[in-house]
Amino acid sequence: MDDDQWVYVYSTVEDLAHDVEPAFADDIVGAFDGSARPLLITWPENSAHVVVADGTSPLQQLQEHMDSFFHAWTTNAPPQHGATAEEYVRSVLEAYALRNELRRKNKRRRKAE
């Protein structure tokens, strides 16, 4: 997720590492794997290295990012918050595939926190 609430979905860590550039490191506000575990991205020797960060899954943080993305960039409702991280991630992938993207950021107001 970048600082403009846009979400990028990758099938593999290698694909993510290939696309991430050091110049845009500060734009990344969150990265998660398929189990909603946070990812740590570093750049040793000018190539991205992606690993699962220590700690427990910040599922709520992922859900907040996804809610923001769907409200800002699509006309679709965000996925319902699931019982487990894996169920939620699965619903995110399905919703992401079916999204009706807008060409510019949706100007709808965000839901109140």
C-alpha atoms as a PDB file:
ATOM      1  CA  MET A   1       0.000   0.000   0.000  1.00  0.00           C
ATOM      2  CA  ASP A   2       1.307   3.398  -0.846  1.00  0.00           C
ATOM      3  CA  ASP A   3       0.741   6.729   0.846  1.00  0.00           C
ATOM      4  CA  ASP A   4      -1.977   7.620  -1.659  1.00  0.00           C
ATOM      5  CA  GLN A   5      -4.057   4.615  -0.508  1.00  0.00           C
ATOM      6  CA  TRP A   6      -3.340   2.623  -3.670  1.00  0.00           C
ATOM      7  CA  VAL A   7      -2.906  -1.153  -3.270  1.00  0.00           C
ATOM      8  CA  TYR A   8      -0.610  -3.351  -5.328  1.00  0.00           C
ATOM      9  CA  VAL A   9      -1.139  -7.123  -5.274  1.00  0.00           C
ATOM     10  CA  TYR A  10       1.699  -9.514  -6.065  1.00  0.00           C
ATOM     11  CA  SER A  11       1.604 -13.292  -6.438  1.00  0.00           C
ATOM     12  CA  THR A  12       5.132 -13.800  -5.131  1.00  0.00           C
ATOM     13  CA  VAL A  13       7.661 -12.069  -2.938  1.00  0.00           C
ATOM     14  CA  GLU A  14      10.030 -12.136  -5.896  1.00  0.00           C
ATOM     15  CA  ASP A  15       7.574 -10.122  -8.019  1.00  0.00           C
ATOM     16  CA  LEU A  16       7.232  -7.556  -5.229  1.00  0.00           C
ATOM     17  CA  ALA A  17      10.997  -7.316  -4.774  1.00  0.00           C
ATOM     18  CA  HIS A  18      11.443  -6.836  -8.516  1.00  0.00           C
ATOM     19  CA  ASP A  19       8.985  -3.919  -8.738  1.00  0.00           C
ATOM     20  CA  VAL A  20       9.853  -1.975  -5.581  1.00  0.00           C
ATOM     21  CA  GLU A  21      12.348   0.839  -6.041  1.00  0.00           C
ATOM     22  CA  PRO A  22      14.428   2.419  -3.261  1.00  0.00           C
ATOM     23  CA  ALA A  23      13.371   5.906  -4.366  1.00  0.00           C
ATOM     24  CA  PHE A  24       9.774   5.068  -3.452  1.00  0.00           C
ATOM     25  CA  ALA A  25      10.476   3.378  -0.118  1.00  0.00           C
ATOM     26  CA  ASP A  26       8.995   6.279   1.830  1.00  0.00           C
ATOM     27  CA  ASP A  27       5.751   5.970  -0.156  1.00  0.00           C
ATOM     28  CA  ILE A  28       5.082   2.461   1.188  1.00  0.00           C
ATOM     29  CA  VAL A  29       2.812   2.585   4.239  1.00  0.00           C
ATOM     30  CA  GLY A  30       2.139  -1.133   4.581  1.00  0.00           C
ATOM     31  CA  ALA A  31       3.059  -4.493   3.086  1.00  0.00           C
ATOM     32  CA  PHE A  32       1.518  -7.838   4.029  1.00  0.00           C
ATOM     33  CA  ASP A  33       1.699 -11.447   2.932  1.00  0.00           C
ATOM     34  CA  GLY A  34      -1.178 -13.847   2.218  1.00  0.00           C
ATOM     35  CA  SER A  35      -1.598 -14.519   5.936  1.00  0.00           C
ATOM     36  CA  ALA A  36      -1.817 -10.782   6.747  1.00  0.00           C
ATOM     37  CA  ARG A  37       1.652 -10.827   8.303  1.00  0.00           C
ATOM     38  CA  PRO A  38       3.608  -7.595   7.885  1.00  0.00           C
ATOM     39  CA  LEU A  39       6.486  -7.594   5.423  1.00  0.00           C
ATOM     40  CA  LEU A  40       9.766  -5.756   5.861  1.00  0.00           C
ATOM     41  CA  ILE A  41      11.378  -4.406   2.699  1.00  0.00           C
ATOM     42  CA  THR A  42      15.061  -3.451   2.716  1.00  0.00           C
ATOM     43  CA  TRP A  43      17.580  -2.602  -0.003  1.00  0.00           C
ATOM     44  CA  PRO A  44      20.933  -4.221   0.636  1.00  0.00           C
ATOM     45  CA  GLU A  45      23.214  -3.682  -2.342  1.00  0.00           C
ATOM     46  CA  ASN A  46      20.550  -1.800  -4.369  1.00  0.00           C
ATOM     47  CA  SER A  47      18.086  -4.664  -4.710  1.00  0.00           C
ATOM     48  CA  ALA A  48      14.958  -5.148  -2.646  1.00  0.00           C
ATOM     49  CA  HIS A  49      14.892  -7.865  -0.025  1.00  0.00           C
ATOM     50  CA  VAL A  50      11.478  -8.842   1.407  1.00  0.00           C
ATOM     51  CA  VAL A  51      10.989 -10.821   4.620  1.00  0.00           C
ATOM     52  CA  VAL A  52       8.162 -11.419   7.064  1.00  0.00           C
ATOM     53  CA  ALA A  53       8.551  -8.978   9.950  1.00  0.00           C
ATOM     54  CA  ASP A  54       8.627 -10.169  13.527  1.00  0.00           C
ATOM     55  CA  GLY A  55       5.466  -9.954  15.593  1.00  0.00           C
ATOM     56  CA  THR A  56       1.854 -10.892  15.286  1.00  0.00           C
ATOM     57  CA  SER A  57      -0.428 -10.160  12.371  1.00  0.00           C
ATOM     58  CA  PRO A  58      -1.741  -6.588  12.458  1.00  0.00           C
ATOM     59  CA  LEU A  59      -4.991  -7.649  10.782  1.00  0.00           C
ATOM     60  CA  GLN A  60      -6.761  -4.479  11.871  1.00  0.00           C
ATOM     61  CA  GLN A  61      -4.090  -2.375  10.154  1.00  0.00           C
ATOM     62  CA  LEU A  62      -4.516  -4.346   6.912  1.00  0.00           C
ATOM     63  CA  GLN A  63      -8.292  -3.952   7.135  1.00  0.00           C
ATOM     64  CA  GLU A  64      -7.978  -0.183   7.614  1.00  0.00           C
ATOM     65  CA  HIS A  65      -5.693   0.075   4.562  1.00  0.00           C
ATOM     66  CA  MET A  66      -8.086  -1.977   2.452  1.00  0.00           C
ATOM     67  CA  ASP A  67     -11.129   0.020   3.610  1.00  0.00           C
ATOM     68  CA  SER A  68      -9.298   3.224   2.615  1.00  0.00           C
ATOM     69  CA  PHE A  69      -8.341   1.805  -0.783  1.00  0.00           C
ATOM     70  CA  PHE A  70     -11.857   0.689  -1.672  1.00  0.00           C
ATOM     71  CA  HIS A  71     -13.435   3.953  -0.487  1.00  0.00           C
ATOM     72  CA  ALA A  72     -10.845   6.134  -2.239  1.00  0.00           C
ATOM     73  CA  TRP A  73     -10.221   4.313  -5.508  1.00  0.00           C
ATOM     74  CA  THR A  74     -13.270   2.190  -6.371  1.00  0.00           C
ATOM     75  CA  THR A  75     -17.020   2.290  -6.424  1.00  0.00           C
ATOM     76  CA  ASN A  76     -17.156  -1.072  -4.628  1.00  0.00           C
ATOM     77  CA  ALA A  77     -17.624  -1.627  -0.919  1.00  0.00           C
ATOM     78  CA  PRO A  78     -14.568  -2.960   0.916  1.00  0.00           C
ATOM     79  CA  PRO A  79     -14.535  -6.626   1.926  1.00  0.00           C
ATOM     80  CA  GLN A  80     -16.228  -7.534   5.184  1.00  0.00           C
ATOM     81  CA  HIS A  81     -13.832  -8.082   8.040  1.00  0.00           C
ATOM     82  CA  GLY A  82     -13.494 -11.862   8.373  1.00  0.00           C
ATOM     83  CA  ALA A  83     -13.007 -14.078  11.369  1.00  0.00           C
ATOM     84  CA  THR A  84      -9.409 -15.029  10.497  1.00  0.00           C
ATOM     85  CA  ALA A  85      -6.568 -13.314   8.679  1.00  0.00           C
ATOM     86  CA  GLU A  86      -6.561 -15.957   5.940  1.00  0.00           C
ATOM     87  CA  GLU A  87     -10.320 -15.585   5.347  1.00  0.00           C
ATOM     88  CA  TYR A  88      -9.997 -11.825   5.184  1.00  0.00           C
ATOM     89  CA  VAL A  89      -7.071 -11.947   2.754  1.00  0.00           C
ATOM     90  CA  ARG A  90      -9.011 -14.362   0.542  1.00  0.00           C
ATOM     91  CA  SER A  91     -11.988 -11.957   0.469  1.00  0.00           C
ATOM     92  CA  VAL A  92      -9.657  -9.042  -0.307  1.00  0.00           C
ATOM     93  CA  LEU A  93      -8.187 -10.867  -3.299  1.00  0.00           C
ATOM     94  CA  GLU A  94     -11.658 -11.683  -4.626  1.00  0.00           C
ATOM     95  CA  ALA A  95     -12.876  -8.094  -4.149  1.00  0.00           C
ATOM     96  CA  TYR A  96      -9.684  -6.671  -5.660  1.00  0.00           C
ATOM     97  CA  ALA A  97     -10.148  -8.800  -8.774  1.00  0.00           C
ATOM     98  CA  LEU A  98     -13.758  -7.606  -9.153  1.00  0.00           C
ATOM     99  CA  ARG A  99     -13.194  -3.927  -8.361  1.00  0.00           C
ATOM    100  CA  ASN A 100     -14.487  -1.242 -10.659  1.00  0.00           C
ATOM    101  CA  GLU A 101     -11.437   0.994 -10.786  1.00  0.00           C
ATOM    102  CA  LEU A 102     -11.784   4.690 -11.319  1.00  0.00           C
ATOM    103  CA  ARG A 103      -9.276   6.607 -13.392  1.00  0.00           C
ATOM    104  CA  ARG A 104      -8.789   9.148 -10.618  1.00  0.00           C
ATOM    105  CA  LYS A 105      -9.166   8.992  -6.896  1.00  0.00           C
ATOM    106  CA  ASN A 106     -12.765   8.709  -5.736  1.00  0.00           C
ATOM    107  CA  LYS A 107     -13.745  11.877  -3.905  1.00  0.00           C
ATOM    108  CA  ARG A 108     -16.299  10.209  -1.613  1.00  0.00           C
ATOM    109  CA  ARG A 109     -15.813  11.012   2.027  1.00  0.00           C
ATOM    110  CA  ARG A 110     -14.323   8.301   4.185  1.00  0.00           C
ATOM    111  CA  LYS A 111     -16.418   6.623   6.825  1.00  0.00           C
ATOM    112  CA  ALA A 112     -16.022   8.136  10.255  1.00  0.00           C
ATOM    113  CA  GLU A 113     -13.586   6.239  12.461  1.00  0.00           C
END
